[in-house]
């Protein structure tokens, strides 16, 4: 399987790390790469999100990765900070 990171995912990733210190950014980045490798090897490891095509996987205590699988491609669609308003999550995923 191949992993592709969408523009929305890239934007949300950088919004999150922009709030972190240099050390925390490095740690978060390493953890993200490890989790992406896990998802690549076992793409159904994430929990289904509601009744959608999306799956979510807890990256840190407060950050989820949302992704979907199409053919042989895993699309990383969003990094979601759980401190945000959960009502906005569906809006962001459907944009």
PDB file of N, CA and C in Angstrom:
ATOM      1  N   UNK A   1       0.844  -1.198   0.000  1.00  0.00           N
ATOM      2  CA  UNK A   1       0.000   0.000   0.000  1.00  0.00           C
ATOM      3  C   UNK A   1       0.875   1.241   0.000  1.00  0.00           C
ATOM      4  N   UNK A   2       0.330   2.258  -0.589  1.00  0.00           N
ATOM      5  CA  UNK A   2       1.012   3.541  -0.690  1.00  0.00           C
ATOM      6  C   UNK A   2       0.271   4.552   0.187  1.00  0.00           C
ATOM      7  N   UNK A   3       1.002   5.456   0.814  1.00  0.00           N
ATOM      8  CA  UNK A   3       0.382   6.505   1.630  1.00  0.00           C
ATOM      9  C   UNK A   3       0.535   7.846   0.935  1.00  0.00           C
ATOM     10  N   UNK A   4      -0.578   8.564   0.810  1.00  0.00           N
ATOM     11  CA  UNK A   4      -0.564   9.920   0.285  1.00  0.00           C
ATOM     12  C   UNK A   4      -1.133  10.857   1.337  1.00  0.00           C
ATOM     13  N   UNK A   5      -0.498  11.991   1.511  1.00  0.00           N
ATOM     14  CA  UNK A   5      -0.948  12.981   2.486  1.00  0.00           C
ATOM     15  C   UNK A   5      -1.627  14.122   1.732  1.00  0.00           C
ATOM     16  N   UNK A   6      -2.869  14.370   2.067  1.00  0.00           N
ATOM     17  CA  UNK A   6      -3.630  15.416   1.380  1.00  0.00           C
ATOM     18  C   UNK A   6      -3.174  16.796   1.841  1.00  0.00           C
ATOM     19  N   UNK A   7      -3.567  17.803   1.061  1.00  0.00           N
ATOM     20  CA  UNK A   7      -3.246  19.190   1.432  1.00  0.00           C
ATOM     21  C   UNK A   7      -3.831  19.539   2.796  1.00  0.00           C
ATOM     22  N   UNK A   8      -5.043  19.098   3.028  1.00  0.00           N
ATOM     23  CA  UNK A   8      -5.718  19.375   4.295  1.00  0.00           C
ATOM     24  C   UNK A   8      -4.953  18.749   5.467  1.00  0.00           C
ATOM     25  N   UNK A   9      -4.460  17.529   5.265  1.00  0.00           N
ATOM     26  CA  UNK A   9      -3.688  16.858   6.311  1.00  0.00           C
ATOM     27  C   UNK A   9      -2.376  17.600   6.564  1.00  0.00           C
ATOM     28  N   UNK A  10      -1.730  17.999   5.493  1.00  0.00           N
ATOM     29  CA  UNK A  10      -0.467  18.728   5.634  1.00  0.00           C
ATOM     30  C   UNK A  10      -0.687  20.044   6.380  1.00  0.00           C
ATOM     31  N   UNK A  11      -1.733  20.749   6.009  1.00  0.00           N
ATOM     32  CA  UNK A  11      -2.057  22.021   6.666  1.00  0.00           C
ATOM     33  C   UNK A  11      -2.338  21.810   8.155  1.00  0.00           C
ATOM     34  N   UNK A  12      -3.160  20.815   8.477  1.00  0.00           N
ATOM     35  CA  UNK A  12      -3.510  20.572   9.885  1.00  0.00           C
ATOM     36  C   UNK A  12      -2.290  20.106  10.679  1.00  0.00           C
ATOM     37  N   UNK A  13      -1.406  19.334  10.048  1.00  0.00           N
ATOM     38  CA  UNK A  13      -0.172  18.891  10.705  1.00  0.00           C
ATOM     39  C   UNK A  13       0.685  20.098  11.096  1.00  0.00           C
ATOM     40  N   UNK A  14       0.890  21.011  10.147  1.00  0.00           N
ATOM     41  CA  UNK A  14       1.731  22.175  10.427  1.00  0.00           C
ATOM     42  C   UNK A  14       1.077  23.144  11.411  1.00  0.00           C
ATOM     43  N   UNK A  15      -0.252  23.211  11.419  1.00  0.00           N
ATOM     44  CA  UNK A  15      -0.935  24.031  12.428  1.00  0.00           C
ATOM     45  C   UNK A  15      -0.658  23.493  13.828  1.00  0.00           C
ATOM     46  N   UNK A  16      -0.627  22.183  13.952  1.00  0.00           N
ATOM     47  CA  UNK A  16      -0.376  21.563  15.250  1.00  0.00           C
ATOM     48  C   UNK A  16       1.064  21.774  15.694  1.00  0.00           C
ATOM     49  N   UNK A  17       2.012  21.464  14.819  1.00  0.00           N
ATOM     50  CA  UNK A  17       3.422  21.565  15.255  1.00  0.00           C
ATOM     51  C   UNK A  17       3.889  23.002  15.410  1.00  0.00           C
ATOM     52  N   UNK A  18       3.177  23.947  14.812  1.00  0.00           N
ATOM     53  CA  UNK A  18       3.575  25.353  14.970  1.00  0.00           C
ATOM     54  C   UNK A  18       3.422  25.817  16.419  1.00  0.00           C
ATOM     55  N   UNK A  19       2.635  25.091  17.208  1.00  0.00           N
ATOM     56  CA  UNK A  19       2.403  25.441  18.611  1.00  0.00           C
ATOM     57  C   UNK A  19       3.399  24.752  19.548  1.00  0.00           C
ATOM     58  N   UNK A  20       4.227  23.860  18.986  1.00  0.00           N
ATOM     59  CA  UNK A  20       5.130  23.052  19.800  1.00  0.00           C
ATOM     60  C   UNK A  20       6.534  23.639  19.850  1.00  0.00           C
ATOM     61  N   UNK A  21       7.261  23.240  20.880  1.00  0.00           N
ATOM     62  CA  UNK A  21       8.684  23.581  20.965  1.00  0.00           C
ATOM     63  C   UNK A  21       9.439  22.720  19.954  1.00  0.00           C
ATOM     64  N   UNK A  22      10.703  23.028  19.756  1.00  0.00           N
ATOM     65  CA  UNK A  22      11.519  22.284  18.801  1.00  0.00           C
ATOM     66  C   UNK A  22      11.623  20.803  19.189  1.00  0.00           C
ATOM     67  N   UNK A  23      11.826  20.547  20.485  1.00  0.00           N
ATOM     68  CA  UNK A  23      11.936  19.156  20.949  1.00  0.00           C
ATOM     69  C   UNK A  23      10.622  18.402  20.785  1.00  0.00           C
ATOM     70  N   UNK A  24       9.525  19.053  21.136  1.00  0.00           N
ATOM     71  CA  UNK A  24       8.226  18.399  21.027  1.00  0.00           C
ATOM     72  C   UNK A  24       7.862  18.175  19.558  1.00  0.00           C
ATOM     73  N   UNK A  25       8.250  19.102  18.685  1.00  0.00           N
ATOM     74  CA  UNK A  25       8.008  18.937  17.253  1.00  0.00           C
ATOM     75  C   UNK A  25       8.755  17.720  16.724  1.00  0.00           C
ATOM     76  N   UNK A  26      10.019  17.565  17.125  1.00  0.00           N
ATOM     77  CA  UNK A  26      10.824  16.420  16.682  1.00  0.00           C
ATOM     78  C   UNK A  26      10.206  15.110  17.163  1.00  0.00           C
ATOM     79  N   UNK A  27       9.789  15.083  18.411  1.00  0.00           N
ATOM     80  CA  UNK A  27       9.165  13.885  18.979  1.00  0.00           C
ATOM     81  C   UNK A  27       7.851  13.560  18.266  1.00  0.00           C
ATOM     82  N   UNK A  28       7.039  14.574  18.035  1.00  0.00           N
ATOM     83  CA  UNK A  28       5.762  14.403  17.352  1.00  0.00           C
ATOM     84  C   UNK A  28       5.976  13.879  15.932  1.00  0.00           C
ATOM     85  N   UNK A  29       6.971  14.415  15.254  1.00  0.00           N
ATOM     86  CA  UNK A  29       7.265  13.990  13.878  1.00  0.00           C
ATOM     87  C   UNK A  29       7.709  12.531  13.830  1.00  0.00           C
ATOM     88  N   UNK A  30       8.572  12.134  14.751  1.00  0.00           N
ATOM     89  CA  UNK A  30       9.021  10.739  14.804  1.00  0.00           C
ATOM     90  C   UNK A  30       7.853   9.808  15.093  1.00  0.00           C
ATOM     91  N   UNK A  31       7.006  10.207  16.035  1.00  0.00           N
ATOM     92  CA  UNK A  31       5.831   9.411  16.385  1.00  0.00           C
ATOM     93  C   UNK A  31       4.878   9.296  15.183  1.00  0.00           C
ATOM     94  N   UNK A  32       4.716  10.388  14.459  1.00  0.00           N
ATOM     95  CA  UNK A  32       3.846  10.385  13.284  1.00  0.00           C
ATOM     96  C   UNK A  32       4.354   9.398  12.239  1.00  0.00           C
ATOM     97  N   UNK A  33       5.649   9.416  11.984  1.00  0.00           N
ATOM     98  CA  UNK A  33       6.237   8.493  11.002  1.00  0.00           C
ATOM     99  C   UNK A  33       6.037   7.046  11.446  1.00  0.00           C
ATOM    100  N   UNK A  34       6.234   6.775  12.731  1.00  0.00           N
ATOM    101  CA  UNK A  34       6.030   5.417  13.251  1.00  0.00           C
ATOM    102  C   UNK A  34       4.592   4.962  13.075  1.00  0.00           C
ATOM    103  N   UNK A  35       3.648   5.841  13.379  1.00  0.00           N
ATOM    104  CA  UNK A  35       2.229   5.498  13.264  1.00  0.00           C
ATOM    105  C   UNK A  35       1.844   5.297  11.797  1.00  0.00           C
ATOM    106  N   UNK A  36       2.389   6.119  10.910  1.00  0.00           N
ATOM    107  CA  UNK A  36       2.093   5.941   9.487  1.00  0.00           C
ATOM    108  C   UNK A  36       2.607   4.597   8.988  1.00  0.00           C
ATOM    109  N   UNK A  37       3.757   4.171   9.493  1.00  0.00           N
ATOM    110  CA  UNK A  37       4.282   2.845   9.140  1.00  0.00           C
ATOM    111  C   UNK A  37       3.361   1.735   9.634  1.00  0.00           C
ATOM    112  N   UNK A  38       2.827   1.903  10.842  1.00  0.00           N
ATOM    113  CA  UNK A  38       1.895   0.917  11.406  1.00  0.00           C
ATOM    114  C   UNK A  38       0.624   0.855  10.557  1.00  0.00           C
ATOM    115  N   UNK A  39       0.101   2.021  10.203  1.00  0.00           N
ATOM    116  CA  UNK A  39      -1.114   2.073   9.385  1.00  0.00           C
ATOM    117  C   UNK A  39      -0.850   1.449   8.012  1.00  0.00           C
ATOM    118  N   UNK A  40       0.320   1.702   7.470  1.00  0.00           N
ATOM    119  CA  UNK A  40       0.670   1.145   6.152  1.00  0.00           C
ATOM    120  C   UNK A  40       0.703  -0.382   6.185  1.00  0.00           C
ATOM    121  N   UNK A  41       1.211  -0.936   7.273  1.00  0.00           N
ATOM    122  CA  UNK A  41       1.309  -2.392   7.404  1.00  0.00           C
ATOM    123  C   UNK A  41      -0.032  -3.045   7.753  1.00  0.00           C
ATOM    124  N   UNK A  42      -0.858  -2.331   8.499  1.00  0.00           N
ATOM    125  CA  UNK A  42      -2.146  -2.868   8.937  1.00  0.00           C
ATOM    126  C   UNK A  42      -3.191  -1.765   8.781  1.00  0.00           C
ATOM    127  N   UNK A  43      -3.614  -1.539   7.538  1.00  0.00           N
ATOM    128  CA  UNK A  43      -4.411  -0.345   7.244  1.00  0.00           C
ATOM    129  C   UNK A  43      -5.789  -0.304   7.890  1.00  0.00           C
ATOM    130  N   UNK A  44      -6.282  -1.402   8.390  1.00  0.00           N
ATOM    131  CA  UNK A  44      -7.587  -1.393   9.057  1.00  0.00           C
ATOM    132  C   UNK A  44      -7.464  -1.288  10.576  1.00  0.00           C
ATOM    133  N   UNK A  45      -6.296  -0.900  11.053  1.00  0.00           N
ATOM    134  CA  UNK A  45      -6.058  -0.801  12.501  1.00  0.00           C
ATOM    135  C   UNK A  45      -6.862   0.335  13.130  1.00  0.00           C
ATOM    136  N   UNK A  46      -7.112   1.389  12.379  1.00  0.00           N
ATOM    137  CA  UNK A  46      -7.861   2.519  12.912  1.00  0.00           C
ATOM    138  C   UNK A  46      -9.333   2.191  13.073  1.00  0.00           C
ATOM    139  N   UNK A  47      -9.974   2.854  14.015  1.00  0.00           N
ATOM    140  CA  UNK A  47     -11.411   2.677  14.244  1.00  0.00           C
ATOM    141  C   UNK A  47     -12.196   3.402  13.161  1.00  0.00           C
ATOM    142  N   UNK A  48     -13.278   2.783  12.714  1.00  0.00           N
ATOM    143  CA  UNK A  48     -14.142   3.457  11.746  1.00  0.00           C
ATOM    144  C   UNK A  48     -14.745   4.691  12.409  1.00  0.00           C
ATOM    145  N   UNK A  49     -14.792   5.779  11.660  1.00  0.00           N
ATOM    146  CA  UNK A  49     -15.375   7.008  12.169  1.00  0.00           C
ATOM    147  C   UNK A  49     -16.825   7.096  11.700  1.00  0.00           C
ATOM    148  N   UNK A  50     -17.728   6.975  12.655  1.00  0.00           N
ATOM    149  CA  UNK A  50     -19.167   7.001  12.399  1.00  0.00           C
ATOM    150  C   UNK A  50     -19.481   6.047  11.247  1.00  0.00           C
ATOM    151  N   UNK A  51     -20.355   6.456  10.361  1.00  0.00           N
ATOM    152  CA  UNK A  51     -20.703   5.608   9.208  1.00  0.00           C
ATOM    153  C   UNK A  51     -20.107   6.231   7.940  1.00  0.00           C
ATOM    154  N   UNK A  52     -18.804   6.504   8.010  1.00  0.00           N
ATOM    155  CA  UNK A  52     -18.112   7.118   6.878  1.00  0.00           C
ATOM    156  C   UNK A  52     -17.037   6.171   6.369  1.00  0.00           C
ATOM    157  N   UNK A  53     -16.327   6.596   5.357  1.00  0.00           N
ATOM    158  CA  UNK A  53     -15.190   5.829   4.831  1.00  0.00           C
ATOM    159  C   UNK A  53     -13.926   6.072   5.649  1.00  0.00           C
ATOM    160  N   UNK A  54     -13.989   7.019   6.569  1.00  0.00           N
ATOM    161  CA  UNK A  54     -12.804   7.415   7.330  1.00  0.00           C
ATOM    162  C   UNK A  54     -12.522   6.478   8.502  1.00  0.00           C
ATOM    163  N   UNK A  55     -11.247   6.370   8.786  1.00  0.00           N
ATOM    164  CA  UNK A  55     -10.782   5.670   9.985  1.00  0.00           C
ATOM    165  C   UNK A  55      -9.962   6.663  10.776  1.00  0.00           C
ATOM    166  N   UNK A  56      -9.896   6.450  12.087  1.00  0.00           N
ATOM    167  CA  UNK A  56      -9.104   7.347  12.931  1.00  0.00           C
ATOM    168  C   UNK A  56      -8.171   6.513  13.798  1.00  0.00           C
ATOM    169  N   UNK A  57      -7.020   7.097  14.065  1.00  0.00           N
ATOM    170  CA  UNK A  57      -6.019   6.427  14.884  1.00  0.00           C
ATOM    171  C   UNK A  57      -5.421   7.461  15.823  1.00  0.00           C
ATOM    172  N   UNK A  58      -5.368   7.133  17.107  1.00  0.00           N
ATOM    173  CA  UNK A  58      -4.865   8.069  18.108  1.00  0.00           C
ATOM    174  C   UNK A  58      -3.349   8.158  18.010  1.00  0.00           C
ATOM    175  N   UNK A  59      -2.871   9.343  17.668  1.00  0.00           N
ATOM    176  CA  UNK A  59      -1.447   9.584  17.493  1.00  0.00           C
ATOM    177  C   UNK A  59      -0.785   9.961  18.815  1.00  0.00           C
ATOM    178  N   UNK A  60      -1.414  10.865  19.548  1.00  0.00           N
ATOM    179  CA  UNK A  60      -0.959  11.263  20.881  1.00  0.00           C
ATOM    180  C   UNK A  60      -2.202  11.332  21.765  1.00  0.00           C
ATOM    181  N   UNK A  61      -2.022  11.795  22.987  1.00  0.00           N
ATOM    182  CA  UNK A  61      -3.170  11.903  23.905  1.00  0.00           C
ATOM    183  C   UNK A  61      -4.292  12.750  23.327  1.00  0.00           C
ATOM    184  N   UNK A  62      -3.951  13.713  22.473  1.00  0.00           N
ATOM    185  CA  UNK A  62      -4.977  14.637  22.004  1.00  0.00           C
ATOM    186  C   UNK A  62      -5.047  14.792  20.493  1.00  0.00           C
ATOM    187  N   UNK A  63      -4.285  14.022  19.745  1.00  0.00           N
ATOM    188  CA  UNK A  63      -4.270  14.162  18.290  1.00  0.00           C
ATOM    189  C   UNK A  63      -4.660  12.843  17.616  1.00  0.00           C
ATOM    190  N   UNK A  64      -5.633  12.926  16.727  1.00  0.00           N
ATOM    191  CA  UNK A  64      -6.023  11.788  15.899  1.00  0.00           C
ATOM    192  C   UNK A  64      -5.558  12.016  14.470  1.00  0.00           C
ATOM    193  N   UNK A  65      -5.216  10.914  13.800  1.00  0.00           N
ATOM    194  CA  UNK A  65      -5.003  10.931  12.365  1.00  0.00           C
ATOM    195  C   UNK A  65      -6.266  10.327  11.746  1.00  0.00           C
ATOM    196  N   UNK A  66      -6.824  11.020  10.770  1.00  0.00           N
ATOM    197  CA  UNK A  66      -7.949  10.487  10.020  1.00  0.00           C
ATOM    198  C   UNK A  66      -7.459  10.097   8.638  1.00  0.00           C
ATOM    199  N   UNK A  67      -7.885   8.923   8.191  1.00  0.00           N
ATOM    200  CA  UNK A  67      -7.468   8.458   6.873  1.00  0.00           C
ATOM    201  C   UNK A  67      -8.571   7.644   6.226  1.00  0.00           C
ATOM    202  N   UNK A  68      -8.435   7.462   4.919  1.00  0.00           N
ATOM    203  CA  UNK A  68      -9.365   6.598   4.190  1.00  0.00           C
ATOM    204  C   UNK A  68      -8.551   5.756   3.214  1.00  0.00           C
ATOM    205  N   UNK A  69      -9.125   4.622   2.843  1.00  0.00           N
ATOM    206  CA  UNK A  69      -8.446   3.683   1.964  1.00  0.00           C
ATOM    207  C   UNK A  69      -9.233   3.590   0.666  1.00  0.00           C
ATOM    208  N   UNK A  70      -8.537   3.801  -0.441  1.00  0.00           N
ATOM    209  CA  UNK A  70      -9.141   3.649  -1.763  1.00  0.00           C
ATOM    210  C   UNK A  70      -8.181   2.843  -2.613  1.00  0.00           C
ATOM    211  N   UNK A  71      -8.655   1.739  -3.139  1.00  0.00           N
ATOM    212  CA  UNK A  71      -7.815   0.821  -3.926  1.00  0.00           C
ATOM    213  C   UNK A  71      -6.592   0.441  -3.107  1.00  0.00           C
ATOM    214  N   UNK A  72      -5.434   0.754  -3.604  1.00  0.00           N
ATOM    215  CA  UNK A  72      -4.192   0.416  -2.906  1.00  0.00           C
ATOM    216  C   UNK A  72      -3.532   1.651  -2.311  1.00  0.00           C
ATOM    217  N   UNK A  73      -4.330   2.682  -2.037  1.00  0.00           N
ATOM    218  CA  UNK A  73      -3.787   3.941  -1.520  1.00  0.00           C
ATOM    219  C   UNK A  73      -4.464   4.293  -0.197  1.00  0.00           C
ATOM    220  N   UNK A  74      -3.637   4.673   0.771  1.00  0.00           N
ATOM    221  CA  UNK A  74      -4.138   5.186   2.054  1.00  0.00           C
ATOM    222  C   UNK A  74      -3.978   6.699   2.001  1.00  0.00           C
ATOM    223  N   UNK A  75      -5.082   7.407   2.074  1.00  0.00           N
ATOM    224  CA  UNK A  75      -5.061   8.866   2.066  1.00  0.00           C
ATOM    225  C   UNK A  75      -5.124   9.372   3.499  1.00  0.00           C
ATOM    226  N   UNK A  76      -4.090  10.070   3.926  1.00  0.00           N
ATOM    227  CA  UNK A  76      -4.120  10.742   5.221  1.00  0.00           C
ATOM    228  C   UNK A  76      -4.843  12.062   4.973  1.00  0.00           C
ATOM    229  N   UNK A  77      -6.008  12.229   5.607  1.00  0.00           N
ATOM    230  CA  UNK A  77      -6.840  13.385   5.280  1.00  0.00           C
ATOM    231  C   UNK A  77      -6.819  14.482   6.335  1.00  0.00           C
ATOM    232  N   UNK A  78      -6.448  14.134   7.591  1.00  0.00           N
ATOM    233  CA  UNK A  78      -6.536  15.160   8.631  1.00  0.00           C
ATOM    234  C   UNK A  78      -5.787  14.741   9.889  1.00  0.00           C
ATOM    235  N   UNK A  79      -5.147  15.711  10.515  1.00  0.00           N
ATOM    236  CA  UNK A  79      -4.635  15.579  11.877  1.00  0.00           C
ATOM    237  C   UNK A  79      -5.565  16.429  12.721  1.00  0.00           C
ATOM    238  N   UNK A  80      -6.237  15.812  13.699  1.00  0.00           N
ATOM    239  CA  UNK A  80      -7.269  16.510  14.462  1.00  0.00           C
ATOM    240  C   UNK A  80      -6.864  16.651  15.922  1.00  0.00           C
ATOM    241  N   UNK A  81      -6.805  17.878  16.401  1.00  0.00           N
ATOM    242  CA  UNK A  81      -6.530  18.168  17.808  1.00  0.00           C
ATOM    243  C   UNK A  81      -7.850  18.067  18.564  1.00  0.00           C
ATOM    244  N   UNK A  82      -7.928  17.148  19.501  1.00  0.00           N
ATOM    245  CA  UNK A  82      -9.169  16.904  20.229  1.00  0.00           C
ATOM    246  C   UNK A  82      -9.612  18.068  21.104  1.00  0.00           C
ATOM    247  N   UNK A  83      -8.775  19.081  21.254  1.00  0.00           N
ATOM    248  CA  UNK A  83      -9.180  20.268  22.007  1.00  0.00           C
ATOM    249  C   UNK A  83     -10.131  21.142  21.189  1.00  0.00           C
ATOM    250  N   UNK A  84     -10.162  20.896  19.884  1.00  0.00           N
ATOM    251  CA  UNK A  84     -11.046  21.676  19.024  1.00  0.00           C
ATOM    252  C   UNK A  84     -12.493  21.239  19.212  1.00  0.00           C
ATOM    253  N   UNK A  85     -13.392  22.071  18.757  1.00  0.00           N
ATOM    254  CA  UNK A  85     -14.821  21.796  18.858  1.00  0.00           C
ATOM    255  C   UNK A  85     -15.156  20.563  18.007  1.00  0.00           C
ATOM    256  N   UNK A  86     -15.653  19.498  18.628  1.00  0.00           N
ATOM    257  CA  UNK A  86     -15.938  18.274  17.869  1.00  0.00           C
ATOM    258  C   UNK A  86     -17.019  18.448  16.807  1.00  0.00           C
ATOM    259  N   UNK A  87     -17.865  19.437  16.947  1.00  0.00           N
ATOM    260  CA  UNK A  87     -18.896  19.680  15.948  1.00  0.00           C
ATOM    261  C   UNK A  87     -18.279  20.124  14.619  1.00  0.00           C
ATOM    262  N   UNK A  88     -17.084  20.691  14.662  1.00  0.00           N
ATOM    263  CA  UNK A  88     -16.420  21.135  13.457  1.00  0.00           C
ATOM    264  C   UNK A  88     -15.737  19.991  12.699  1.00  0.00           C
ATOM    265  N   UNK A  89     -15.561  18.866  13.345  1.00  0.00           N
ATOM    266  CA  UNK A  89     -14.835  17.765  12.723  1.00  0.00           C
ATOM    267  C   UNK A  89     -15.522  17.280  11.458  1.00  0.00           C
ATOM    268  N   UNK A  90     -16.815  17.042  11.501  1.00  0.00           N
ATOM    269  CA  UNK A  90     -17.524  16.582  10.311  1.00  0.00           C
ATOM    270  C   UNK A  90     -17.464  17.617   9.183  1.00  0.00           C
ATOM    271  N   UNK A  91     -17.523  18.881   9.545  1.00  0.00           N
ATOM    272  CA  UNK A  91     -17.444  19.942   8.544  1.00  0.00           C
ATOM    273  C   UNK A  91     -16.081  19.897   7.853  1.00  0.00           C
ATOM    274  N   UNK A  92     -15.024  19.756   8.632  1.00  0.00           N
ATOM    275  CA  UNK A  92     -13.673  19.721   8.078  1.00  0.00           C
ATOM    276  C   UNK A  92     -13.478  18.472   7.221  1.00  0.00           C
ATOM    277  N   UNK A  93     -13.950  17.341   7.679  1.00  0.00           N
ATOM    278  CA  UNK A  93     -13.788  16.092   6.912  1.00  0.00           C
ATOM    279  C   UNK A  93     -14.563  16.133   5.596  1.00  0.00           C
ATOM    280  N   UNK A  94     -15.656  16.848   5.564  1.00  0.00           N
ATOM    281  CA  UNK A  94     -16.470  16.896   4.347  1.00  0.00           C
ATOM    282  C   UNK A  94     -16.118  18.058   3.438  1.00  0.00           C
ATOM    283  N   UNK A  95     -15.073  18.793   3.781  1.00  0.00           N
ATOM    284  CA  UNK A  95     -14.701  19.937   2.917  1.00  0.00           C
ATOM    285  C   UNK A  95     -13.709  19.531   1.866  1.00  0.00           C
TER     286      UNK A  95
END
